[in-house]
Amino acid sequence: MDLTNILKELCDASGVSGAECEASAVAAKMLKPYVEEVQIDSFNNVIATVKKADKGQMTLLLDAHIDQIGLIVTAIDDKGFLKVGSCGGVDRRLMLGQQVTILSKERQRGIVCTIPPHLSKEGDSDKVPEIDDIAIDVGLSADKAKEKIALGDRVIIDSLFLTLMENKISAKALDDRAGVASIIKAVSMLKDKRLPCGVSVLFSAEEETGERGAQVAGYNINPDIAVAVDVSFAHTPDADENKCGKLSKGVMIGISPTLDKKISDSFIKISERENIPYQLEVMSGSTGTNADVIGTSRGGVRTGLLSIPLRYMHTPIEVIDLGDVQAVSDLIVKFILSLEEEI
């Protein structure tokens, strides 16, 4: 299971919040050789059973969200230009002049409209466009555009999957396909090993629009403990170093009042014992991840959080280090195999 190939296939699949079908199908196909059963529910969640719990055993849930940010077509004007809304926290600073794909029945290409600098007014270059000011040119008349494109079609910014120097990858949707990839790799590493607990996998839908998929599936799976895997901020020169992790320095272990302290402590202990590179991510309240809704599901689920450092979040050129993804996989495997003594 080569991480680069896993990530490329996952990131190339479209899966904007609420329309995750293509990405969910890719992830389910990747899981299938390593699990007892896998299904995609009515919410587009991918739910798999690695091993059912034996009598007296706990069930552990591994979660990462499968959806990505994007846009949704809200109107087509009388000139054939598309108006859009956002699905998740789209970085509007980067929108103007971008090449996009409209995920209609037959995919259409488009360009986000932008005014040439020669025609712009003083101060325009300092303004971030509101989502209502953004329009997409698909090169069609209004009649043709309405024939080929439906209101509600999702839109993604086009982006190349790039292999950078020193084990780094740049692509769209690494938030959170990197987390999905780390779990797929971990499950493949657990193949044919004796597991001391039941293990389920959830690749959840609609995280970017309110953790809705994890809320639904977390309730239905009803685990005893859970590990959510997401991305978090990696430091860049223009960011506050105290609020960021560091790229290439290993898995970010979450510590928060809303996370289970014993699980967080166990992550640290195992990382030190097994020489897995790690760093701490301390949060003063909620984590902003699926860990928040899984942790409060039903009567409460003891939940830990592992994050992958990522630069340029919510842009089409997110950057990760493959070594950090592997560190997450390694820690998940060691945590599961030592669960009886750790929890």
C-alpha atoms as a PDB file:
ATOM      1  CA  MET A   1       0.000   0.000   0.000  1.00  0.00           C
ATOM      2  CA  ASP A   2       2.032   2.951  -1.312  1.00  0.00           C
ATOM      3  CA  LEU A   3       0.899   6.184   0.359  1.00  0.00           C
ATOM      4  CA  THR A   4       1.569   8.350  -2.685  1.00  0.00           C
ATOM      5  CA  ASN A   5      -0.664   6.185  -4.882  1.00  0.00           C
ATOM      6  CA  ILE A   6      -3.362   6.010  -2.214  1.00  0.00           C
ATOM      7  CA  LEU A   7      -3.369   9.786  -1.831  1.00  0.00           C
ATOM      8  CA  LYS A   8      -3.395  10.485  -5.559  1.00  0.00           C
ATOM      9  CA  GLU A   9      -6.397   8.245  -6.165  1.00  0.00           C
ATOM     10  CA  LEU A  10      -8.243   9.701  -3.179  1.00  0.00           C
ATOM     11  CA  CYS A  11      -7.460  13.345  -4.014  1.00  0.00           C
ATOM     12  CA  ASP A  12      -8.344  12.917  -7.689  1.00  0.00           C
ATOM     13  CA  ALA A  13     -11.834  11.736  -6.701  1.00  0.00           C
ATOM     14  CA  SER A  14     -14.445  14.471  -6.245  1.00  0.00           C
ATOM     15  CA  GLY A  15     -16.336  14.606  -2.981  1.00  0.00           C
ATOM     16  CA  VAL A  16     -17.640  18.048  -2.062  1.00  0.00           C
ATOM     17  CA  SER A  17     -19.744  18.047   1.106  1.00  0.00           C
ATOM     18  CA  GLY A  18     -23.119  16.429   0.493  1.00  0.00           C
ATOM     19  CA  ALA A  19     -21.955  14.915  -2.801  1.00  0.00           C
ATOM     20  CA  GLU A  20     -19.210  12.551  -1.675  1.00  0.00           C
ATOM     21  CA  CYS A  21     -20.308   9.541  -3.756  1.00  0.00           C
ATOM     22  CA  GLU A  22     -17.231   9.312  -6.004  1.00  0.00           C
ATOM     23  CA  ALA A  23     -14.688   9.736  -3.207  1.00  0.00           C
ATOM     24  CA  SER A  24     -16.625   7.381  -0.936  1.00  0.00           C
ATOM     25  CA  ALA A  25     -16.630   4.686  -3.625  1.00  0.00           C
ATOM     26  CA  VAL A  26     -12.850   5.004  -4.094  1.00  0.00           C
ATOM     27  CA  ALA A  27     -12.200   4.764  -0.351  1.00  0.00           C
ATOM     28  CA  ALA A  28     -14.547   1.787   0.046  1.00  0.00           C
ATOM     29  CA  LYS A  29     -12.788  -0.040  -2.797  1.00  0.00           C
ATOM     30  CA  MET A  30      -9.408   0.540  -1.124  1.00  0.00           C
ATOM     31  CA  LEU A  31     -10.664  -0.782   2.218  1.00  0.00           C
ATOM     32  CA  LYS A  32     -12.367  -3.880   0.851  1.00  0.00           C
ATOM     33  CA  PRO A  33      -9.359  -6.279   0.826  1.00  0.00           C
ATOM     34  CA  TYR A  34      -8.632  -5.606   4.499  1.00  0.00           C
ATOM     35  CA  VAL A  35     -12.045  -5.657   6.190  1.00  0.00           C
ATOM     36  CA  GLU A  36     -14.836  -8.124   6.919  1.00  0.00           C
ATOM     37  CA  GLU A  37     -17.459  -5.875   5.359  1.00  0.00           C
ATOM     38  CA  VAL A  38     -17.792  -2.366   3.968  1.00  0.00           C
ATOM     39  CA  GLN A  39     -20.804  -0.318   2.942  1.00  0.00           C
ATOM     40  CA  ILE A  40     -21.735   3.214   1.945  1.00  0.00           C
ATOM     41  CA  ASP A  41     -24.798   4.423   3.828  1.00  0.00           C
ATOM     42  CA  SER A  42     -27.526   6.818   2.693  1.00  0.00           C
ATOM     43  CA  PHE A  43     -25.463   9.730   4.015  1.00  0.00           C
ATOM     44  CA  ASN A  44     -22.412   8.862   1.821  1.00  0.00           C
ATOM     45  CA  ASN A  45     -20.514   7.670   4.899  1.00  0.00           C
ATOM     46  CA  VAL A  46     -18.139   4.754   4.309  1.00  0.00           C
ATOM     47  CA  ILE A  47     -18.557   2.273   7.188  1.00  0.00           C
ATOM     48  CA  ALA A  48     -16.380  -0.815   7.472  1.00  0.00           C
ATOM     49  CA  THR A  49     -15.850  -3.581  10.001  1.00  0.00           C
ATOM     50  CA  VAL A  50     -12.228  -4.645  10.313  1.00  0.00           C
ATOM     51  CA  LYS A  51     -13.132  -7.106  13.089  1.00  0.00           C
ATOM     52  CA  LYS A  52     -16.293  -7.578  15.091  1.00  0.00           C
ATOM     53  CA  ALA A  53     -15.824  -7.444  18.827  1.00  0.00           C
ATOM     54  CA  ASP A  54     -15.752 -10.774  20.599  1.00  0.00           C
ATOM     55  CA  LYS A  55     -17.800 -11.178  23.750  1.00  0.00           C
ATOM     56  CA  GLY A  56     -16.458  -8.834  26.436  1.00  0.00           C
ATOM     57  CA  GLN A  57     -14.299  -6.844  24.015  1.00  0.00           C
ATOM     58  CA  MET A  58     -14.564  -3.129  23.287  1.00  0.00           C
ATOM     59  CA  THR A  59     -15.216  -1.690  19.838  1.00  0.00           C
ATOM     60  CA  LEU A  60     -12.819   0.982  18.629  1.00  0.00           C
ATOM     61  CA  LEU A  61     -13.801   3.398  15.865  1.00  0.00           C
ATOM     62  CA  LEU A  62     -11.294   4.995  13.485  1.00  0.00           C
ATOM     63  CA  ASP A  63     -12.698   8.098  11.792  1.00  0.00           C
ATOM     64  CA  ALA A  64     -11.551  10.537   9.095  1.00  0.00           C
ATOM     65  CA  HIS A  65     -13.786  12.700   6.946  1.00  0.00           C
ATOM     66  CA  ILE A  66     -14.067  11.985   3.234  1.00  0.00           C
ATOM     67  CA  ASP A  67     -15.626  15.279   2.079  1.00  0.00           C
ATOM     68  CA  GLN A  68     -13.790  18.293   0.705  1.00  0.00           C
ATOM     69  CA  ILE A  69     -14.596  21.985   0.477  1.00  0.00           C
ATOM     70  CA  GLY A  70     -16.044  23.361  -2.748  1.00  0.00           C
ATOM     71  CA  LEU A  71     -18.819  25.467  -4.239  1.00  0.00           C
ATOM     72  CA  ILE A  72     -22.455  24.866  -5.182  1.00  0.00           C
ATOM     73  CA  VAL A  73     -24.265  26.397  -8.167  1.00  0.00           C
ATOM     74  CA  THR A  74     -27.047  28.663  -6.896  1.00  0.00           C
ATOM     75  CA  ALA A  75     -28.132  30.474 -10.079  1.00  0.00           C
ATOM     76  CA  ILE A  76     -27.474  30.882 -13.807  1.00  0.00           C
ATOM     77  CA  ASP A  77     -27.923  34.467 -15.004  1.00  0.00           C
ATOM     78  CA  ASP A  78     -29.274  35.688 -18.337  1.00  0.00           C
ATOM     79  CA  LYS A  79     -25.743  35.828 -19.792  1.00  0.00           C
ATOM     80  CA  GLY A  80     -24.927  32.216 -18.868  1.00  0.00           C
ATOM     81  CA  PHE A  81     -22.672  33.017 -15.919  1.00  0.00           C
ATOM     82  CA  LEU A  82     -22.969  30.789 -12.844  1.00  0.00           C
ATOM     83  CA  LYS A  83     -23.483  32.170  -9.353  1.00  0.00           C
ATOM     84  CA  VAL A  84     -22.300  30.041  -6.458  1.00  0.00           C
ATOM     85  CA  GLY A  85     -22.369  29.500  -2.726  1.00  0.00           C
ATOM     86  CA  SER A  86     -19.697  27.890  -0.580  1.00  0.00           C
ATOM     87  CA  CYS A  87     -19.659  24.329   0.778  1.00  0.00           C
ATOM     88  CA  GLY A  88     -17.307  24.628   3.722  1.00  0.00           C
ATOM     89  CA  GLY A  89     -14.719  27.289   4.412  1.00  0.00           C
ATOM     90  CA  VAL A  90     -13.541  28.163   0.903  1.00  0.00           C
ATOM     91  CA  ASP A  91     -10.636  30.636   0.900  1.00  0.00           C
ATOM     92  CA  ARG A  92     -12.183  33.432  -1.184  1.00  0.00           C
ATOM     93  CA  ARG A  93      -8.802  35.191  -1.511  1.00  0.00           C
ATOM     94  CA  LEU A  94      -7.740  32.547  -4.038  1.00  0.00           C
ATOM     95  CA  MET A  95     -10.896  32.291  -6.119  1.00  0.00           C
ATOM     96  CA  LEU A  96     -10.514  34.932  -8.834  1.00  0.00           C
ATOM     97  CA  GLY A  97      -9.102  33.629 -12.109  1.00  0.00           C
ATOM     98  CA  GLN A  98      -9.139  29.975 -11.044  1.00  0.00           C
ATOM     99  CA  GLN A  99      -9.914  27.110 -13.418  1.00  0.00           C
ATOM    100  CA  VAL A 100     -12.804  25.034 -12.068  1.00  0.00           C
ATOM    101  CA  THR A 101     -14.800  21.916 -12.893  1.00  0.00           C
ATOM    102  CA  ILE A 102     -18.568  21.846 -12.511  1.00  0.00           C
ATOM    103  CA  LEU A 103     -19.596  18.354 -11.431  1.00  0.00           C
ATOM    104  CA  SER A 104     -22.718  18.137 -13.575  1.00  0.00           C
ATOM    105  CA  LYS A 105     -23.869  14.955 -15.322  1.00  0.00           C
ATOM    106  CA  GLU A 106     -21.340  15.747 -18.032  1.00  0.00           C
ATOM    107  CA  ARG A 107     -18.523  17.616 -16.368  1.00  0.00           C
ATOM    108  CA  GLN A 108     -18.072  21.189 -17.541  1.00  0.00           C
ATOM    109  CA  ARG A 109     -14.991  23.362 -17.300  1.00  0.00           C
ATOM    110  CA  GLY A 110     -15.143  26.982 -16.260  1.00  0.00           C
ATOM    111  CA  ILE A 111     -13.177  30.039 -15.186  1.00  0.00           C
ATOM    112  CA  VAL A 112     -13.890  32.211 -12.148  1.00  0.00           C
ATOM    113  CA  CYS A 113     -14.440  35.710 -13.512  1.00  0.00           C
ATOM    114  CA  THR A 114     -11.963  38.456 -12.662  1.00  0.00           C
ATOM    115  CA  ILE A 115     -11.663  42.098 -13.692  1.00  0.00           C
ATOM    116  CA  PRO A 116      -8.397  43.008 -15.474  1.00  0.00           C
ATOM    117  CA  PRO A 117      -6.214  45.319 -13.364  1.00  0.00           C
ATOM    118  CA  HIS A 118      -6.530  48.000 -16.088  1.00  0.00           C
ATOM    119  CA  LEU A 119     -10.298  48.250 -15.421  1.00  0.00           C
ATOM    120  CA  SER A 120     -10.309  47.860 -11.646  1.00  0.00           C
ATOM    121  CA  LYS A 121     -10.977  50.772  -9.312  1.00  0.00           C
ATOM    122  CA  GLU A 122      -8.590  52.078  -6.717  1.00  0.00           C
ATOM    123  CA  GLY A 123      -8.558  49.767  -3.684  1.00  0.00           C
ATOM    124  CA  ASP A 124     -10.113  46.816  -5.530  1.00  0.00           C
ATOM    125  CA  SER A 125      -6.887  44.802  -5.293  1.00  0.00           C
ATOM    126  CA  ASP A 126      -7.074  44.936  -1.498  1.00  0.00           C
ATOM    127  CA  LYS A 127     -10.598  43.527  -1.305  1.00  0.00           C
ATOM    128  CA  VAL A 128     -11.505  39.887  -0.730  1.00  0.00           C
ATOM    129  CA  PRO A 129     -14.547  39.095  -2.893  1.00  0.00           C
ATOM    130  CA  GLU A 130     -17.735  38.091  -1.142  1.00  0.00           C
ATOM    131  CA  ILE A 131     -19.127  34.750  -2.253  1.00  0.00           C
ATOM    132  CA  ASP A 132     -22.110  36.571  -3.824  1.00  0.00           C
ATOM    133  CA  ASP A 133     -19.689  38.559  -6.013  1.00  0.00           C
ATOM    134  CA  ILE A 134     -18.096  35.443  -7.526  1.00  0.00           C
ATOM    135  CA  ALA A 135     -19.269  34.263 -10.949  1.00  0.00           C
ATOM    136  CA  ILE A 136     -18.096  31.430 -13.207  1.00  0.00           C
ATOM    137  CA  ASP A 137     -17.765  31.705 -16.988  1.00  0.00           C
ATOM    138  CA  VAL A 138     -18.440  28.360 -18.704  1.00  0.00           C
ATOM    139  CA  GLY A 139     -18.420  29.842 -22.220  1.00  0.00           C
ATOM    140  CA  LEU A 140     -22.080  29.026 -22.829  1.00  0.00           C
ATOM    141  CA  SER A 141     -25.209  31.031 -23.525  1.00  0.00           C
ATOM    142  CA  ALA A 142     -27.820  31.087 -20.767  1.00  0.00           C
ATOM    143  CA  ASP A 143     -29.977  28.509 -22.570  1.00  0.00           C
ATOM    144  CA  LYS A 144     -27.048  26.123 -23.142  1.00  0.00           C
ATOM    145  CA  ALA A 145     -25.757  26.590 -19.606  1.00  0.00           C
ATOM    146  CA  LYS A 146     -29.166  25.777 -18.140  1.00  0.00           C
ATOM    147  CA  GLU A 147     -29.384  22.732 -20.384  1.00  0.00           C
ATOM    148  CA  LYS A 148     -26.046  21.293 -19.270  1.00  0.00           C
ATOM    149  CA  ILE A 149     -25.748  22.520 -15.661  1.00  0.00           C
ATOM    150  CA  ALA A 150     -28.242  22.101 -12.823  1.00  0.00           C
ATOM    151  CA  LEU A 151     -28.711  24.250  -9.776  1.00  0.00           C
ATOM    152  CA  GLY A 152     -27.061  22.413  -6.902  1.00  0.00           C
ATOM    153  CA  ASP A 153     -24.201  21.008  -8.986  1.00  0.00           C
ATOM    154  CA  ARG A 154     -20.960  21.117  -7.036  1.00  0.00           C
ATOM    155  CA  VAL A 155     -17.860  22.951  -8.221  1.00  0.00           C
ATOM    156  CA  ILE A 156     -14.210  22.208  -7.435  1.00  0.00           C
ATOM    157  CA  ILE A 157     -11.081  24.215  -8.170  1.00  0.00           C
ATOM    158  CA  ASP A 158      -8.810  22.365 -10.561  1.00  0.00           C
ATOM    159  CA  SER A 159      -5.463  21.370  -9.100  1.00  0.00           C
ATOM    160  CA  LEU A 160      -2.555  19.109  -9.993  1.00  0.00           C
ATOM    161  CA  PHE A 161      -1.372  16.360  -7.665  1.00  0.00           C
ATOM    162  CA  LEU A 162       2.295  17.246  -7.205  1.00  0.00           C
ATOM    163  CA  THR A 163       5.159  15.274  -5.708  1.00  0.00           C
ATOM    164  CA  LEU A 164       7.467  17.825  -4.106  1.00  0.00           C
ATOM    165  CA  MET A 165      10.989  17.425  -2.775  1.00  0.00           C
ATOM    166  CA  GLU A 166      11.835  15.541   0.414  1.00  0.00           C
ATOM    167  CA  ASN A 167       8.752  13.335   0.666  1.00  0.00           C
ATOM    168  CA  LYS A 168       6.152  16.082   0.381  1.00  0.00           C
ATOM    169  CA  ILE A 169       2.886  16.134  -1.565  1.00  0.00           C
ATOM    170  CA  SER A 170       0.743  19.051  -2.748  1.00  0.00           C
ATOM    171  CA  ALA A 171      -2.881  18.574  -3.817  1.00  0.00           C
ATOM    172  CA  LYS A 172      -6.458  19.607  -3.239  1.00  0.00           C
ATOM    173  CA  ALA A 173      -8.555  17.734  -0.652  1.00  0.00           C
ATOM    174  CA  LEU A 174      -5.630  16.576   1.479  1.00  0.00           C
ATOM    175  CA  ASP A 175      -7.970  17.849   4.198  1.00  0.00           C
ATOM    176  CA  ASP A 176      -8.888  15.127   5.010  1.00  0.00           C
ATOM    177  CA  ARG A 177      -7.959  12.543   2.385  1.00  0.00           C
ATOM    178  CA  ALA A 178      -4.586  12.436   4.159  1.00  0.00           C
ATOM    179  CA  GLY A 179      -6.426  11.194   7.256  1.00  0.00           C
ATOM    180  CA  VAL A 180      -8.356   8.684   5.157  1.00  0.00           C
ATOM    181  CA  ALA A 181      -5.086   7.437   3.654  1.00  0.00           C
ATOM    182  CA  SER A 182      -3.476   7.041   7.089  1.00  0.00           C
ATOM    183  CA  ILE A 183      -6.359   4.831   8.255  1.00  0.00           C
ATOM    184  CA  ILE A 184      -6.355   2.732   5.065  1.00  0.00           C
ATOM    185  CA  LYS A 185      -2.618   2.189   5.494  1.00  0.00           C
ATOM    186  CA  ALA A 186      -3.066   1.296   9.188  1.00  0.00           C
ATOM    187  CA  VAL A 187      -5.833  -1.212   8.401  1.00  0.00           C
ATOM    188  CA  SER A 188      -3.626  -2.836   5.758  1.00  0.00           C
ATOM    189  CA  MET A 189      -0.844  -3.133   8.362  1.00  0.00           C
ATOM    190  CA  LEU A 190      -3.273  -4.878  10.751  1.00  0.00           C
ATOM    191  CA  LYS A 191      -4.151  -7.568   8.210  1.00  0.00           C
ATOM    192  CA  ASP A 192      -3.770 -11.081   9.702  1.00  0.00           C
ATOM    193  CA  LYS A 193      -2.851  -9.723  13.148  1.00  0.00           C
ATOM    194  CA  ARG A 194      -4.693 -10.760  16.305  1.00  0.00           C
ATOM    195  CA  LEU A 195      -6.757  -7.777  17.394  1.00  0.00           C
ATOM    196  CA  PRO A 196      -7.677  -7.365  21.078  1.00  0.00           C
ATOM    197  CA  CYS A 197     -10.865  -5.436  20.272  1.00  0.00           C
ATOM    198  CA  GLY A 198     -13.454  -4.872  17.621  1.00  0.00           C
ATOM    199  CA  VAL A 199     -12.373  -2.295  15.053  1.00  0.00           C
ATOM    200  CA  SER A 200     -14.647  -0.236  12.815  1.00  0.00           C
ATOM    201  CA  VAL A 201     -13.740   2.401  10.253  1.00  0.00           C
ATOM    202  CA  LEU A 202     -15.768   5.482   9.364  1.00  0.00           C
ATOM    203  CA  PHE A 203     -14.954   7.807   6.466  1.00  0.00           C
ATOM    204  CA  SER A 204     -17.538  10.415   7.285  1.00  0.00           C
ATOM    205  CA  ALA A 205     -19.464  12.792   5.047  1.00  0.00           C
ATOM    206  CA  GLU A 206     -20.268  16.467   5.562  1.00  0.00           C
ATOM    207  CA  GLU A 207     -17.592  17.305   8.113  1.00  0.00           C
ATOM    208  CA  GLU A 208     -16.940  20.632   6.412  1.00  0.00           C
ATOM    209  CA  THR A 209     -20.580  21.619   6.844  1.00  0.00           C
ATOM    210  CA  GLY A 210     -20.956  20.716  10.521  1.00  0.00           C
ATOM    211  CA  GLU A 211     -19.646  17.193  11.268  1.00  0.00           C
ATOM    212  CA  ARG A 212     -23.024  15.782  10.223  1.00  0.00           C
ATOM    213  CA  GLY A 213     -21.824  12.442   8.867  1.00  0.00           C
ATOM    214  CA  ALA A 214     -19.865  11.571  11.992  1.00  0.00           C
ATOM    215  CA  GLN A 215     -22.825  12.496  14.165  1.00  0.00           C
ATOM    216  CA  VAL A 216     -25.112  10.099  12.287  1.00  0.00           C
ATOM    217  CA  ALA A 217     -22.672   7.207  11.840  1.00  0.00           C
ATOM    218  CA  GLY A 218     -21.069   7.569  15.250  1.00  0.00           C
ATOM    219  CA  TYR A 219     -24.501   7.042  16.815  1.00  0.00           C
ATOM    220  CA  ASN A 220     -25.220   3.989  14.659  1.00  0.00           C
ATOM    221  CA  ILE A 221     -21.814   2.323  15.158  1.00  0.00           C
ATOM    222  CA  ASN A 222     -21.974   2.928  18.920  1.00  0.00           C
ATOM    223  CA  PRO A 223     -18.247   2.420  19.705  1.00  0.00           C
ATOM    224  CA  ASP A 224     -16.713   2.274  23.184  1.00  0.00           C
ATOM    225  CA  ILE A 225     -13.686   4.357  22.211  1.00  0.00           C
ATOM    226  CA  ALA A 226     -12.771   6.326  19.093  1.00  0.00           C
ATOM    227  CA  VAL A 227      -9.798   7.890  17.359  1.00  0.00           C
ATOM    228  CA  ALA A 228     -10.508  10.757  14.991  1.00  0.00           C
ATOM    229  CA  VAL A 229      -7.850  11.591  12.395  1.00  0.00           C
ATOM    230  CA  ASP A 230      -7.791  15.013  10.737  1.00  0.00           C
ATOM    231  CA  VAL A 231      -5.312  17.628   9.561  1.00  0.00           C
ATOM    232  CA  SER A 232      -4.125  20.666  11.470  1.00  0.00           C
ATOM    233  CA  PHE A 233      -2.091  23.775  10.785  1.00  0.00           C
ATOM    234  CA  ALA A 234       1.570  23.403   9.879  1.00  0.00           C
ATOM    235  CA  HIS A 235       3.727  26.459  10.413  1.00  0.00           C
ATOM    236  CA  THR A 236       4.561  28.867   7.576  1.00  0.00           C
ATOM    237  CA  PRO A 237       6.565  32.118   7.885  1.00  0.00           C
ATOM    238  CA  ASP A 238       3.396  34.249   7.911  1.00  0.00           C
ATOM    239  CA  ALA A 239       1.693  32.307  10.730  1.00  0.00           C
ATOM    240  CA  ASP A 240       1.919  32.371  14.539  1.00  0.00           C
ATOM    241  CA  GLU A 241       4.343  29.586  15.445  1.00  0.00           C
ATOM    242  CA  ASN A 242       2.599  29.046  18.785  1.00  0.00           C
ATOM    243  CA  LYS A 243      -0.641  28.122  17.002  1.00  0.00           C
ATOM    244  CA  CYS A 244       0.877  25.656  14.541  1.00  0.00           C
ATOM    245  CA  GLY A 245       2.543  22.297  14.375  1.00  0.00           C
ATOM    246  CA  LYS A 246       5.603  21.656  12.252  1.00  0.00           C
ATOM    247  CA  LEU A 247       5.690  19.831   8.948  1.00  0.00           C
ATOM    248  CA  SER A 248       7.859  16.683   8.903  1.00  0.00           C
ATOM    249  CA  LYS A 249       7.953  16.458  12.719  1.00  0.00           C
ATOM    250  CA  GLY A 250       5.448  13.642  13.084  1.00  0.00           C
ATOM    251  CA  VAL A 251       1.888  13.039  14.203  1.00  0.00           C
ATOM    252  CA  MET A 252       0.151  15.797  16.191  1.00  0.00           C
ATOM    253  CA  ILE A 253      -1.349  14.288  19.354  1.00  0.00           C
ATOM    254  CA  GLY A 254      -4.401  16.228  20.483  1.00  0.00           C
ATOM    255  CA  ILE A 255      -4.755  17.373  24.090  1.00  0.00           C
ATOM    256  CA  SER A 256      -8.011  19.104  24.987  1.00  0.00           C
ATOM    257  CA  PRO A 257     -10.646  19.226  27.738  1.00  0.00           C
ATOM    258  CA  THR A 258     -12.997  17.558  25.250  1.00  0.00           C
ATOM    259  CA  LEU A 259     -10.643  14.618  24.557  1.00  0.00           C
ATOM    260  CA  ASP A 260     -10.000  11.583  26.724  1.00  0.00           C
ATOM    261  CA  LYS A 261      -6.824  12.226  28.737  1.00  0.00           C
ATOM    262  CA  LYS A 262      -5.954   8.574  29.138  1.00  0.00           C
ATOM    263  CA  ILE A 263      -6.063   8.050  25.375  1.00  0.00           C
ATOM    264  CA  SER A 264      -3.902  11.133  24.753  1.00  0.00           C
ATOM    265  CA  ASP A 265      -1.411   9.963  27.398  1.00  0.00           C
ATOM    266  CA  SER A 266      -1.348   6.515  25.821  1.00  0.00           C
ATOM    267  CA  PHE A 267      -0.558   8.025  22.409  1.00  0.00           C
ATOM    268  CA  ILE A 268       2.421   9.837  23.924  1.00  0.00           C
ATOM    269  CA  LYS A 269       3.650   6.767  25.805  1.00  0.00           C
ATOM    270  CA  ILE A 270       3.440   4.535  22.723  1.00  0.00           C
ATOM    271  CA  SER A 271       5.103   7.113  20.480  1.00  0.00           C
ATOM    272  CA  GLU A 272       8.053   7.390  22.845  1.00  0.00           C
ATOM    273  CA  ARG A 273       8.318   3.635  23.317  1.00  0.00           C
ATOM    274  CA  GLU A 274       8.117   2.858  19.594  1.00  0.00           C
ATOM    275  CA  ASN A 275      10.164   5.855  18.395  1.00  0.00           C
ATOM    276  CA  ILE A 276       7.236   7.275  16.413  1.00  0.00           C
ATOM    277  CA  PRO A 277       7.841  11.007  15.773  1.00  0.00           C
ATOM    278  CA  TYR A 278       5.183  13.141  17.451  1.00  0.00           C
ATOM    279  CA  GLN A 279       4.318  16.640  18.591  1.00  0.00           C
ATOM    280  CA  LEU A 280       1.584  17.925  20.868  1.00  0.00           C
ATOM    281  CA  GLU A 281      -1.422  19.985  19.806  1.00  0.00           C
ATOM    282  CA  VAL A 282      -2.944  21.606  22.875  1.00  0.00           C
ATOM    283  CA  MET A 283      -6.439  23.078  22.538  1.00  0.00           C
ATOM    284  CA  SER A 284      -8.320  24.957  25.239  1.00  0.00           C
ATOM    285  CA  GLY A 285     -11.795  23.800  24.220  1.00  0.00           C
ATOM    286  CA  SER A 286     -13.476  21.965  21.375  1.00  0.00           C
ATOM    287  CA  THR A 287     -11.231  20.632  18.621  1.00  0.00           C
ATOM    288  CA  GLY A 288     -13.231  21.669  15.547  1.00  0.00           C
ATOM    289  CA  THR A 289     -13.078  18.064  14.307  1.00  0.00           C
ATOM    290  CA  ASN A 290     -15.310  14.993  14.287  1.00  0.00           C
ATOM    291  CA  ALA A 291     -13.864  14.125  17.696  1.00  0.00           C
ATOM    292  CA  ASP A 292     -16.296  16.665  19.175  1.00  0.00           C
ATOM    293  CA  VAL A 293     -19.486  15.004  17.896  1.00  0.00           C
ATOM    294  CA  ILE A 294     -18.295  11.415  18.249  1.00  0.00           C
ATOM    295  CA  GLY A 295     -17.286  12.083  21.840  1.00  0.00           C
ATOM    296  CA  THR A 296     -20.816  13.193  22.761  1.00  0.00           C
ATOM    297  CA  SER A 297     -22.621  10.469  20.810  1.00  0.00           C
ATOM    298  CA  ARG A 298     -25.225   8.452  22.752  1.00  0.00           C
ATOM    299  CA  GLY A 299     -24.002   8.196  26.348  1.00  0.00           C
ATOM    300  CA  GLY A 300     -20.511   9.461  25.455  1.00  0.00           C
ATOM    301  CA  VAL A 301     -17.512   7.915  23.700  1.00  0.00           C
ATOM    302  CA  ARG A 302     -13.967   8.162  24.985  1.00  0.00           C
ATOM    303  CA  THR A 303     -12.223   9.847  22.069  1.00  0.00           C
ATOM    304  CA  GLY A 304      -8.685  10.746  21.036  1.00  0.00           C
ATOM    305  CA  LEU A 305      -7.475  12.929  18.182  1.00  0.00           C
ATOM    306  CA  LEU A 306      -4.503  12.530  15.872  1.00  0.00           C
ATOM    307  CA  SER A 307      -3.716  15.195  13.292  1.00  0.00           C
ATOM    308  CA  ILE A 308      -1.470  15.480  10.267  1.00  0.00           C
ATOM    309  CA  PRO A 309       0.396  18.802   9.877  1.00  0.00           C
ATOM    310  CA  LEU A 310      -0.768  20.533   6.692  1.00  0.00           C
ATOM    311  CA  ARG A 311       0.181  23.812   5.065  1.00  0.00           C
ATOM    312  CA  TYR A 312      -2.258  26.097   3.182  1.00  0.00           C
ATOM    313  CA  MET A 313      -5.460  24.567   4.546  1.00  0.00           C
ATOM    314  CA  HIS A 314      -8.654  24.981   2.495  1.00  0.00           C
ATOM    315  CA  THR A 315      -6.776  25.863  -0.676  1.00  0.00           C
ATOM    316  CA  PRO A 316      -6.185  23.775  -3.819  1.00  0.00           C
ATOM    317  CA  ILE A 317      -2.456  23.522  -3.044  1.00  0.00           C
ATOM    318  CA  GLU A 318      -2.403  21.965   0.436  1.00  0.00           C
ATOM    319  CA  VAL A 319       0.961  20.428   1.406  1.00  0.00           C
ATOM    320  CA  ILE A 320       1.780  17.466   3.657  1.00  0.00           C
ATOM    321  CA  ASP A 321       4.777  15.259   4.406  1.00  0.00           C
ATOM    322  CA  LEU A 322       4.266  11.546   3.726  1.00  0.00           C
ATOM    323  CA  GLY A 323       6.351  10.746   6.793  1.00  0.00           C
ATOM    324  CA  ASP A 324       3.772  12.450   9.011  1.00  0.00           C
ATOM    325  CA  VAL A 325       0.984  10.385   7.433  1.00  0.00           C
ATOM    326  CA  GLN A 326       2.975   7.206   8.032  1.00  0.00           C
ATOM    327  CA  ALA A 327       3.563   8.225  11.662  1.00  0.00           C
ATOM    328  CA  VAL A 328      -0.223   8.409  12.161  1.00  0.00           C
ATOM    329  CA  SER A 329      -0.626   4.927  10.663  1.00  0.00           C
ATOM    330  CA  ASP A 330       2.152   3.522  12.847  1.00  0.00           C
ATOM    331  CA  LEU A 331       0.661   5.019  16.014  1.00  0.00           C
ATOM    332  CA  ILE A 332      -2.836   3.729  15.223  1.00  0.00           C
ATOM    333  CA  VAL A 333      -1.491   0.204  14.704  1.00  0.00           C
ATOM    334  CA  LYS A 334       0.562   0.180  17.916  1.00  0.00           C
ATOM    335  CA  PHE A 335      -2.330   1.691  19.896  1.00  0.00           C
ATOM    336  CA  ILE A 336      -4.779  -0.969  18.727  1.00  0.00           C
ATOM    337  CA  LEU A 337      -2.394  -3.870  19.300  1.00  0.00           C
ATOM    338  CA  SER A 338      -1.639  -2.705  22.849  1.00  0.00           C
ATOM    339  CA  LEU A 339      -5.198  -1.649  23.721  1.00  0.00           C
ATOM    340  CA  GLU A 340      -5.677  -4.285  26.438  1.00  0.00           C
ATOM    341  CA  GLU A 341      -2.775  -2.927  28.498  1.00  0.00           C
ATOM    342  CA  GLU A 342      -3.247   0.749  27.641  1.00  0.00           C
ATOM    343  CA  ILE A 343      -6.979   1.355  28.206  1.00  0.00           C
END
